Amino acid sequence: MMKRVSFVALCVVALAVVLFSGESRTAEAVTCNPGELAPCSPALMSASPPSSACCSKLKAQQPCLCGYIKNPSLKQYVNSPNAKKVASTCGVPYPKC
């Protein structure tokens, strides 16, 4: 079961990297790349708490979250209950887009 979850998480990250390989920029000059959130995949796919690396990456990608929510390929992951719990645990306000 854990191997399957890890494989799914890896596929999600790989898909995100492929979809966003063109990298977009926000007003704060943050490079929006959902692949940067790879350290969060264990917490997003299970009930485990996010790592400090996850929280750091999530805070860095915070200006990009609305774009991820609006992306049909990423929406189901970013809008999941676990994603909201990870954001809350990391002290990142969940965006209202």
PDB file of N, CA and C in Angstrom:
ATOM      1  N   MET A   1       0.834  -1.192   0.000  1.00  0.00           N
ATOM      2  CA  MET A   1       0.000   0.000   0.000  1.00  0.00           C
ATOM      3  C   MET A   1       0.878   1.255   0.000  1.00  0.00           C
ATOM      4  N   MET A   2       1.938   1.251   0.832  1.00  0.00           N
ATOM      5  CA  MET A   2       2.803   2.428   0.927  1.00  0.00           C
ATOM      6  C   MET A   2       3.532   2.659  -0.390  1.00  0.00           C
ATOM      7  N   LYS A   3       3.937   1.569  -1.060  1.00  0.00           N
ATOM      8  CA  LYS A   3       4.609   1.715  -2.352  1.00  0.00           C
ATOM      9  C   LYS A   3       3.672   2.358  -3.366  1.00  0.00           C
ATOM     10  N   ARG A   4       2.412   1.997  -3.304  1.00  0.00           N
ATOM     11  CA  ARG A   4       1.428   2.559  -4.231  1.00  0.00           C
ATOM     12  C   ARG A   4       1.244   4.060  -3.971  1.00  0.00           C
ATOM     13  N   VAL A   5       1.159   4.440  -2.694  1.00  0.00           N
ATOM     14  CA  VAL A   5       1.021   5.850  -2.341  1.00  0.00           C
ATOM     15  C   VAL A   5       2.247   6.625  -2.798  1.00  0.00           C
ATOM     16  N   SER A   6       3.435   6.056  -2.580  1.00  0.00           N
ATOM     17  CA  SER A   6       4.673   6.714  -3.014  1.00  0.00           C
ATOM     18  C   SER A   6       4.705   6.853  -4.525  1.00  0.00           C
ATOM     19  N   PHE A   7       4.275   5.830  -5.230  1.00  0.00           N
ATOM     20  CA  PHE A   7       4.253   5.892  -6.688  1.00  0.00           C
ATOM     21  C   PHE A   7       3.275   6.958  -7.167  1.00  0.00           C
ATOM     22  N   VAL A   8       2.101   7.025  -6.551  1.00  0.00           N
ATOM     23  CA  VAL A   8       1.107   8.049  -6.920  1.00  0.00           C
ATOM     24  C   VAL A   8       1.674   9.438  -6.649  1.00  0.00           C
ATOM     25  N   ALA A   9       2.306   9.612  -5.502  1.00  0.00           N
ATOM     26  CA  ALA A   9       2.896  10.919  -5.166  1.00  0.00           C
ATOM     27  C   ALA A   9       3.966  11.289  -6.175  1.00  0.00           C
ATOM     28  N   LEU A  10       4.793  10.337  -6.532  1.00  0.00           N
ATOM     29  CA  LEU A  10       5.846  10.588  -7.522  1.00  0.00           C
ATOM     30  C   LEU A  10       5.233  10.964  -8.864  1.00  0.00           C
ATOM     31  N   CYS A  11       4.168  10.295  -9.263  1.00  0.00           N
ATOM     32  CA  CYS A  11       3.497  10.613 -10.530  1.00  0.00           C
ATOM     33  C   CYS A  11       2.906  12.023 -10.500  1.00  0.00           C
ATOM     34  N   VAL A  12       2.330  12.403  -9.370  1.00  0.00           N
ATOM     35  CA  VAL A  12       1.747  13.740  -9.233  1.00  0.00           C
ATOM     36  C   VAL A  12       2.837  14.796  -9.389  1.00  0.00           C
ATOM     37  N   VAL A  13       3.945  14.586  -8.708  1.00  0.00           N
ATOM     38  CA  VAL A  13       5.053  15.552  -8.791  1.00  0.00           C
ATOM     39  C   VAL A  13       5.617  15.588 -10.205  1.00  0.00           C
ATOM     40  N   ALA A  14       5.793  14.422 -10.824  1.00  0.00           N
ATOM     41  CA  ALA A  14       6.323  14.387 -12.183  1.00  0.00           C
ATOM     42  C   ALA A  14       5.387  15.092 -13.160  1.00  0.00           C
ATOM     43  N   LEU A  15       4.092  14.874 -13.011  1.00  0.00           N
ATOM     44  CA  LEU A  15       3.112  15.542 -13.868  1.00  0.00           C
ATOM     45  C   LEU A  15       3.186  17.049 -13.679  1.00  0.00           C
ATOM     46  N   ALA A  16       3.280  17.470 -12.441  1.00  0.00           N
ATOM     47  CA  ALA A  16       3.355  18.903 -12.157  1.00  0.00           C
ATOM     48  C   ALA A  16       4.609  19.510 -12.768  1.00  0.00           C
ATOM     49  N   VAL A  17       5.715  18.821 -12.672  1.00  0.00           N
ATOM     50  CA  VAL A  17       6.968  19.334 -13.249  1.00  0.00           C
ATOM     51  C   VAL A  17       6.846  19.453 -14.765  1.00  0.00           C
ATOM     52  N   VAL A  18       6.261  18.447 -15.398  1.00  0.00           N
ATOM     53  CA  VAL A  18       6.092  18.497 -16.852  1.00  0.00           C
ATOM     54  C   VAL A  18       5.151  19.625 -17.252  1.00  0.00           C
ATOM     55  N   LEU A  19       4.052  19.762 -16.541  1.00  0.00           N
ATOM     56  CA  LEU A  19       3.074  20.797 -16.878  1.00  0.00           C
ATOM     57  C   LEU A  19       3.619  22.201 -16.692  1.00  0.00           C
ATOM     58  N   PHE A  20       4.477  22.353 -15.722  1.00  0.00           N
ATOM     59  CA  PHE A  20       4.960  23.693 -15.397  1.00  0.00           C
ATOM     60  C   PHE A  20       6.423  23.897 -15.743  1.00  0.00           C
ATOM     61  N   SER A  21       6.934  23.137 -16.675  1.00  0.00           N
ATOM     62  CA  SER A  21       8.341  23.289 -17.033  1.00  0.00           C
ATOM     63  C   SER A  21       8.610  24.644 -17.678  1.00  0.00           C
ATOM     64  N   GLY A  22       7.561  25.350 -18.102  1.00  0.00           N
ATOM     65  CA  GLY A  22       7.714  26.682 -18.672  1.00  0.00           C
ATOM     66  C   GLY A  22       7.902  27.757 -17.617  1.00  0.00           C
ATOM     67  N   GLU A  23       7.703  27.443 -16.367  1.00  0.00           N
ATOM     68  CA  GLU A  23       7.855  28.353 -15.232  1.00  0.00           C
ATOM     69  C   GLU A  23       7.251  29.728 -15.479  1.00  0.00           C
ATOM     70  N   SER A  24       6.324  30.086 -14.615  1.00  0.00           N
ATOM     71  CA  SER A  24       5.742  31.424 -14.669  1.00  0.00           C
ATOM     72  C   SER A  24       6.221  32.205 -13.464  1.00  0.00           C
ATOM     73  N   ARG A  25       6.089  33.508 -13.512  1.00  0.00           N
ATOM     74  CA  ARG A  25       6.548  34.340 -12.405  1.00  0.00           C
ATOM     75  C   ARG A  25       5.397  35.194 -11.885  1.00  0.00           C
ATOM     76  N   THR A  26       5.439  35.466 -10.587  1.00  0.00           N
ATOM     77  CA  THR A  26       4.436  36.329  -9.976  1.00  0.00           C
ATOM     78  C   THR A  26       5.055  37.702  -9.744  1.00  0.00           C
ATOM     79  N   ALA A  27       4.252  38.609  -9.213  1.00  0.00           N
ATOM     80  CA  ALA A  27       4.728  39.973  -8.963  1.00  0.00           C
ATOM     81  C   ALA A  27       5.905  39.994  -7.990  1.00  0.00           C
ATOM     82  N   GLU A  28       5.974  39.021  -7.072  1.00  0.00           N
ATOM     83  CA  GLU A  28       7.062  38.989  -6.106  1.00  0.00           C
ATOM     84  C   GLU A  28       8.298  38.300  -6.679  1.00  0.00           C
ATOM     85  N   ALA A  29       8.317  38.004  -7.933  1.00  0.00           N
ATOM     86  CA  ALA A  29       9.438  37.353  -8.615  1.00  0.00           C
ATOM     87  C   ALA A  29       9.698  35.950  -8.068  1.00  0.00           C
ATOM     88  N   VAL A  30       8.658  35.283  -7.626  1.00  0.00           N
ATOM     89  CA  VAL A  30       8.758  33.892  -7.195  1.00  0.00           C
ATOM     90  C   VAL A  30       8.568  33.026  -8.426  1.00  0.00           C
ATOM     91  N   THR A  31       9.400  32.034  -8.595  1.00  0.00           N
ATOM     92  CA  THR A  31       9.233  31.104  -9.699  1.00  0.00           C
ATOM     93  C   THR A  31       8.207  30.060  -9.286  1.00  0.00           C
ATOM     94  N   CYS A  32       7.075  30.051  -9.972  1.00  0.00           N
ATOM     95  CA  CYS A  32       6.015  29.098  -9.665  1.00  0.00           C
ATOM     96  C   CYS A  32       6.339  27.753 -10.304  1.00  0.00           C
ATOM     97  N   ASN A  33       6.587  26.785  -9.462  1.00  0.00           N
ATOM     98  CA  ASN A  33       6.918  25.446  -9.925  1.00  0.00           C
ATOM     99  C   ASN A  33       6.367  24.462  -8.907  1.00  0.00           C
ATOM    100  N   PRO A  34       5.244  23.806  -9.208  1.00  0.00           N
ATOM    101  CA  PRO A  34       4.666  22.884  -8.239  1.00  0.00           C
ATOM    102  C   PRO A  34       5.590  21.728  -7.890  1.00  0.00           C
ATOM    103  N   GLY A  35       6.570  21.456  -8.728  1.00  0.00           N
ATOM    104  CA  GLY A  35       7.557  20.422  -8.409  1.00  0.00           C
ATOM    105  C   GLY A  35       8.351  20.763  -7.162  1.00  0.00           C
ATOM    106  N   GLU A  36       8.418  22.053  -6.822  1.00  0.00           N
ATOM    107  CA  GLU A  36       9.099  22.491  -5.605  1.00  0.00           C
ATOM    108  C   GLU A  36       8.399  21.970  -4.353  1.00  0.00           C
ATOM    109  N   LEU A  37       7.149  21.575  -4.497  1.00  0.00           N
ATOM    110  CA  LEU A  37       6.387  21.086  -3.344  1.00  0.00           C
ATOM    111  C   LEU A  37       6.544  19.581  -3.133  1.00  0.00           C
ATOM    112  N   ALA A  38       7.489  18.961  -3.814  1.00  0.00           N
ATOM    113  CA  ALA A  38       7.731  17.521  -3.670  1.00  0.00           C
ATOM    114  C   ALA A  38       7.944  17.099  -2.215  1.00  0.00           C
ATOM    115  N   PRO A  39       8.633  17.904  -1.384  1.00  0.00           N
ATOM    116  CA  PRO A  39       8.779  17.478   0.015  1.00  0.00           C
ATOM    117  C   PRO A  39       7.446  17.368   0.761  1.00  0.00           C
ATOM    118  N   CYS A  40       6.385  17.925   0.191  1.00  0.00           N
ATOM    119  CA  CYS A  40       5.073  17.863   0.839  1.00  0.00           C
ATOM    120  C   CYS A  40       4.272  16.619   0.455  1.00  0.00           C
ATOM    121  N   SER A  41       4.732  15.877  -0.534  1.00  0.00           N
ATOM    122  CA  SER A  41       3.921  14.755  -1.012  1.00  0.00           C
ATOM    123  C   SER A  41       3.596  13.721   0.064  1.00  0.00           C
ATOM    124  N   PRO A  42       4.507  13.367   0.981  1.00  0.00           N
ATOM    125  CA  PRO A  42       4.096  12.407   2.021  1.00  0.00           C
ATOM    126  C   PRO A  42       2.949  12.939   2.882  1.00  0.00           C
ATOM    127  N   ALA A  43       2.991  14.212   3.227  1.00  0.00           N
ATOM    128  CA  ALA A  43       1.920  14.789   4.060  1.00  0.00           C
ATOM    129  C   ALA A  43       0.625  14.950   3.272  1.00  0.00           C
ATOM    130  N   LEU A  44       0.736  15.218   1.968  1.00  0.00           N
ATOM    131  CA  LEU A  44      -0.468  15.374   1.147  1.00  0.00           C
ATOM    132  C   LEU A  44      -1.159  14.048   0.891  1.00  0.00           C
ATOM    133  N   MET A  45      -0.400  12.961   0.847  1.00  0.00           N
ATOM    134  CA  MET A  45      -0.959  11.659   0.518  1.00  0.00           C
ATOM    135  C   MET A  45      -1.352  10.840   1.744  1.00  0.00           C
ATOM    136  N   SER A  46      -1.037  11.344   2.928  1.00  0.00           N
ATOM    137  CA  SER A  46      -1.366  10.606   4.147  1.00  0.00           C
ATOM    138  C   SER A  46      -1.683  11.599   5.259  1.00  0.00           C
ATOM    139  N   ALA A  47      -1.819  11.089   6.436  1.00  0.00           N
ATOM    140  CA  ALA A  47      -2.111  11.955   7.578  1.00  0.00           C
ATOM    141  C   ALA A  47      -0.836  12.374   8.309  1.00  0.00           C
ATOM    142  N   SER A  48       0.327  12.084   7.734  1.00  0.00           N
ATOM    143  CA  SER A  48       1.573  12.434   8.415  1.00  0.00           C
ATOM    144  C   SER A  48       1.771  13.946   8.430  1.00  0.00           C
ATOM    145  N   PRO A  49       2.417  14.465   9.470  1.00  0.00           N
ATOM    146  CA  PRO A  49       2.643  15.914   9.542  1.00  0.00           C
ATOM    147  C   PRO A  49       3.667  16.352   8.502  1.00  0.00           C
ATOM    148  N   PRO A  50       3.564  17.589   8.029  1.00  0.00           N
ATOM    149  CA  PRO A  50       4.521  18.068   7.037  1.00  0.00           C
ATOM    150  C   PRO A  50       5.907  18.270   7.656  1.00  0.00           C
ATOM    151  N   SER A  51       6.919  18.055   6.854  1.00  0.00           N
ATOM    152  CA  SER A  51       8.295  18.261   7.305  1.00  0.00           C
ATOM    153  C   SER A  51       8.628  19.751   7.281  1.00  0.00           C
ATOM    154  N   SER A  52       9.723  20.114   7.891  1.00  0.00           N
ATOM    155  CA  SER A  52      10.151  21.516   7.856  1.00  0.00           C
ATOM    156  C   SER A  52      10.504  21.922   6.427  1.00  0.00           C
ATOM    157  N   ALA A  53      11.035  20.988   5.643  1.00  0.00           N
ATOM    158  CA  ALA A  53      11.343  21.278   4.229  1.00  0.00           C
ATOM    159  C   ALA A  53      10.051  21.568   3.465  1.00  0.00           C
ATOM    160  N   CYS A  54       9.005  20.805   3.751  1.00  0.00           N
ATOM    161  CA  CYS A  54       7.709  21.032   3.115  1.00  0.00           C
ATOM    162  C   CYS A  54       7.200  22.425   3.447  1.00  0.00           C
ATOM    163  N   CYS A  55       7.211  22.774   4.728  1.00  0.00           N
ATOM    164  CA  CYS A  55       6.702  24.086   5.136  1.00  0.00           C
ATOM    165  C   CYS A  55       7.501  25.214   4.505  1.00  0.00           C
ATOM    166  N   SER A  56       8.797  25.045   4.423  1.00  0.00           N
ATOM    167  CA  SER A  56       9.648  26.062   3.808  1.00  0.00           C
ATOM    168  C   SER A  56       9.288  26.253   2.340  1.00  0.00           C
ATOM    169  N   LYS A  57       9.127  25.149   1.624  1.00  0.00           N
ATOM    170  CA  LYS A  57       8.772  25.219   0.198  1.00  0.00           C
ATOM    171  C   LYS A  57       7.365  25.778   0.014  1.00  0.00           C
ATOM    172  N   LEU A  58       6.448  25.387   0.886  1.00  0.00           N
ATOM    173  CA  LEU A  58       5.074  25.868   0.789  1.00  0.00           C
ATOM    174  C   LEU A  58       5.018  27.382   1.000  1.00  0.00           C
ATOM    175  N   LYS A  59       5.781  27.874   1.970  1.00  0.00           N
ATOM    176  CA  LYS A  59       5.830  29.317   2.211  1.00  0.00           C
ATOM    177  C   LYS A  59       6.426  30.053   1.007  1.00  0.00           C
ATOM    178  N   ALA A  60       7.449  29.469   0.388  1.00  0.00           N
ATOM    179  CA  ALA A  60       8.066  30.090  -0.784  1.00  0.00           C
ATOM    180  C   ALA A  60       7.112  30.102  -1.981  1.00  0.00           C
ATOM    181  N   GLN A  61       6.280  29.083  -2.096  1.00  0.00           N
ATOM    182  CA  GLN A  61       5.350  28.954  -3.222  1.00  0.00           C
ATOM    183  C   GLN A  61       3.983  29.585  -2.926  1.00  0.00           C
ATOM    184  N   GLN A  62       3.804  30.179  -1.759  1.00  0.00           N
ATOM    185  CA  GLN A  62       2.513  30.742  -1.362  1.00  0.00           C
ATOM    186  C   GLN A  62       1.909  31.675  -2.409  1.00  0.00           C
ATOM    187  N   PRO A  63       2.680  32.571  -3.045  1.00  0.00           N
ATOM    188  CA  PRO A  63       2.069  33.451  -4.053  1.00  0.00           C
ATOM    189  C   PRO A  63       1.535  32.697  -5.275  1.00  0.00           C
ATOM    190  N   CYS A  64       1.927  31.449  -5.421  1.00  0.00           N
ATOM    191  CA  CYS A  64       1.538  30.653  -6.587  1.00  0.00           C
ATOM    192  C   CYS A  64       0.312  29.786  -6.340  1.00  0.00           C
ATOM    193  N   LEU A  65      -0.131  29.684  -5.095  1.00  0.00           N
ATOM    194  CA  LEU A  65      -1.174  28.715  -4.755  1.00  0.00           C
ATOM    195  C   LEU A  65      -2.471  28.916  -5.520  1.00  0.00           C
ATOM    196  N   CYS A  66      -2.893  30.156  -5.750  1.00  0.00           N
ATOM    197  CA  CYS A  66      -4.135  30.372  -6.509  1.00  0.00           C
ATOM    198  C   CYS A  66      -4.005  29.835  -7.931  1.00  0.00           C
ATOM    199  N   GLY A  67      -2.856  30.003  -8.518  1.00  0.00           N
ATOM    200  CA  GLY A  67      -2.627  29.459  -9.856  1.00  0.00           C
ATOM    201  C   GLY A  67      -2.724  27.947  -9.860  1.00  0.00           C
ATOM    202  N   TYR A  68      -2.197  27.314  -8.817  1.00  0.00           N
ATOM    203  CA  TYR A  68      -2.274  25.864  -8.719  1.00  0.00           C
ATOM    204  C   TYR A  68      -3.726  25.414  -8.522  1.00  0.00           C
ATOM    205  N   ILE A  69      -4.475  26.162  -7.709  1.00  0.00           N
ATOM    206  CA  ILE A  69      -5.878  25.826  -7.464  1.00  0.00           C
ATOM    207  C   ILE A  69      -6.697  25.943  -8.747  1.00  0.00           C
ATOM    208  N   LYS A  70      -6.377  26.916  -9.576  1.00  0.00           N
ATOM    209  CA  LYS A  70      -7.123  27.129 -10.822  1.00  0.00           C
ATOM    210  C   LYS A  70      -6.722  26.169 -11.923  1.00  0.00           C
ATOM    211  N   ASN A  71      -5.617  25.450 -11.741  1.00  0.00           N
ATOM    212  CA  ASN A  71      -5.146  24.497 -12.747  1.00  0.00           C
ATOM    213  C   ASN A  71      -5.906  23.183 -12.585  1.00  0.00           C
ATOM    214  N   PRO A  72      -6.662  22.768 -13.626  1.00  0.00           N
ATOM    215  CA  PRO A  72      -7.463  21.536 -13.503  1.00  0.00           C
ATOM    216  C   PRO A  72      -6.631  20.295 -13.174  1.00  0.00           C
ATOM    217  N   SER A  73      -5.375  20.256 -13.575  1.00  0.00           N
ATOM    218  CA  SER A  73      -4.525  19.097 -13.298  1.00  0.00           C
ATOM    219  C   SER A  73      -4.071  19.042 -11.841  1.00  0.00           C
ATOM    220  N   LEU A  74      -4.030  20.176 -11.175  1.00  0.00           N
ATOM    221  CA  LEU A  74      -3.525  20.230  -9.799  1.00  0.00           C
ATOM    222  C   LEU A  74      -4.607  20.462  -8.761  1.00  0.00           C
ATOM    223  N   LYS A  75      -5.763  20.953  -9.202  1.00  0.00           N
ATOM    224  CA  LYS A  75      -6.830  21.379  -8.292  1.00  0.00           C
ATOM    225  C   LYS A  75      -7.207  20.310  -7.276  1.00  0.00           C
ATOM    226  N   GLN A  76      -7.361  19.058  -7.713  1.00  0.00           N
ATOM    227  CA  GLN A  76      -7.791  18.003  -6.800  1.00  0.00           C
ATOM    228  C   GLN A  76      -6.802  17.776  -5.665  1.00  0.00           C
ATOM    229  N   TYR A  77      -5.525  18.043  -5.906  1.00  0.00           N
ATOM    230  CA  TYR A  77      -4.517  17.859  -4.871  1.00  0.00           C
ATOM    231  C   TYR A  77      -4.427  19.076  -3.955  1.00  0.00           C
ATOM    232  N   VAL A  78      -4.496  20.267  -4.548  1.00  0.00           N
ATOM    233  CA  VAL A  78      -4.355  21.504  -3.784  1.00  0.00           C
ATOM    234  C   VAL A  78      -5.611  21.776  -2.958  1.00  0.00           C
ATOM    235  N   ASN A  79      -6.757  21.317  -3.423  1.00  0.00           N
ATOM    236  CA  ASN A  79      -8.019  21.521  -2.699  1.00  0.00           C
ATOM    237  C   ASN A  79      -8.353  20.392  -1.733  1.00  0.00           C
ATOM    238  N   SER A  80      -7.492  19.422  -1.615  1.00  0.00           N
ATOM    239  CA  SER A  80      -7.788  18.273  -0.758  1.00  0.00           C
ATOM    240  C   SER A  80      -7.755  18.666   0.720  1.00  0.00           C
ATOM    241  N   PRO A  81      -8.480  17.919   1.551  1.00  0.00           N
ATOM    242  CA  PRO A  81      -8.440  18.194   2.998  1.00  0.00           C
ATOM    243  C   PRO A  81      -7.021  18.120   3.556  1.00  0.00           C
ATOM    244  N   ASN A  82      -6.216  17.174   3.076  1.00  0.00           N
ATOM    245  CA  ASN A  82      -4.836  17.066   3.562  1.00  0.00           C
ATOM    246  C   ASN A  82      -4.027  18.303   3.185  1.00  0.00           C
ATOM    247  N   ALA A  83      -4.250  18.856   1.996  1.00  0.00           N
ATOM    248  CA  ALA A  83      -3.515  20.056   1.587  1.00  0.00           C
ATOM    249  C   ALA A  83      -3.870  21.226   2.489  1.00  0.00           C
ATOM    250  N   LYS A  84      -5.122  21.333   2.837  1.00  0.00           N
ATOM    251  CA  LYS A  84      -5.547  22.415   3.737  1.00  0.00           C
ATOM    252  C   LYS A  84      -4.947  22.224   5.130  1.00  0.00           C
ATOM    253  N   LYS A  85      -4.863  20.961   5.571  1.00  0.00           N
ATOM    254  CA  LYS A  85      -4.271  20.675   6.871  1.00  0.00           C
ATOM    255  C   LYS A  85      -2.768  20.985   6.866  1.00  0.00           C
ATOM    256  N   VAL A  86      -2.091  20.644   5.770  1.00  0.00           N
ATOM    257  CA  VAL A  86      -0.658  20.930   5.647  1.00  0.00           C
ATOM    258  C   VAL A  86      -0.428  22.438   5.693  1.00  0.00           C
ATOM    259  N   ALA A  87      -1.222  23.188   4.930  1.00  0.00           N
ATOM    260  CA  ALA A  87      -1.082  24.648   4.921  1.00  0.00           C
ATOM    261  C   ALA A  87      -1.280  25.217   6.319  1.00  0.00           C
ATOM    262  N   SER A  88      -2.297  24.752   7.010  1.00  0.00           N
ATOM    263  CA  SER A  88      -2.577  25.229   8.361  1.00  0.00           C
ATOM    264  C   SER A  88      -1.428  24.903   9.314  1.00  0.00           C
ATOM    265  N   THR A  89      -0.946  23.674   9.260  1.00  0.00           N
ATOM    266  CA  THR A  89       0.159  23.250  10.126  1.00  0.00           C
ATOM    267  C   THR A  89       1.414  24.073   9.863  1.00  0.00           C
ATOM    268  N   CYS A  90       1.636  24.434   8.599  1.00  0.00           N
ATOM    269  CA  CYS A  90       2.825  25.215   8.223  1.00  0.00           C
ATOM    270  C   CYS A  90       2.633  26.721   8.465  1.00  0.00           C
ATOM    271  N   GLY A  91       1.440  27.121   8.858  1.00  0.00           N
ATOM    272  CA  GLY A  91       1.192  28.537   9.103  1.00  0.00           C
ATOM    273  C   GLY A  91       1.018  29.340   7.834  1.00  0.00           C
ATOM    274  N   VAL A  92       0.623  28.672   6.756  1.00  0.00           N
ATOM    275  CA  VAL A  92       0.373  29.333   5.477  1.00  0.00           C
ATOM    276  C   VAL A  92      -1.134  29.452   5.306  1.00  0.00           C
ATOM    277  N   PRO A  93      -1.653  30.673   5.235  1.00  0.00           N
ATOM    278  CA  PRO A  93      -3.106  30.822   5.062  1.00  0.00           C
ATOM    279  C   PRO A  93      -3.556  30.225   3.741  1.00  0.00           C
ATOM    280  N   TYR A  94      -4.634  29.457   3.799  1.00  0.00           N
ATOM    281  CA  TYR A  94      -5.169  28.871   2.564  1.00  0.00           C
ATOM    282  C   TYR A  94      -5.799  30.004   1.746  1.00  0.00           C
ATOM    283  N   PRO A  95      -5.416  30.137   0.486  1.00  0.00           N
ATOM    284  CA  PRO A  95      -5.886  31.295  -0.297  1.00  0.00           C
ATOM    285  C   PRO A  95      -7.363  31.232  -0.656  1.00  0.00           C
ATOM    286  N   LYS A  96      -7.950  32.405  -0.749  1.00  0.00           N
ATOM    287  CA  LYS A  96      -9.322  32.539  -1.260  1.00  0.00           C
ATOM    288  C   LYS A  96      -9.169  33.175  -2.631  1.00  0.00           C
ATOM    289  N   CYS A  97      -9.296  32.375  -3.648  1.00  0.00           N
ATOM    290  CA  CYS A  97      -9.041  32.842  -5.015  1.00  0.00           C
ATOM    291  C   CYS A  97     -10.323  33.258  -5.720  1.00  0.00           C
TER     292      CYS A  97
END
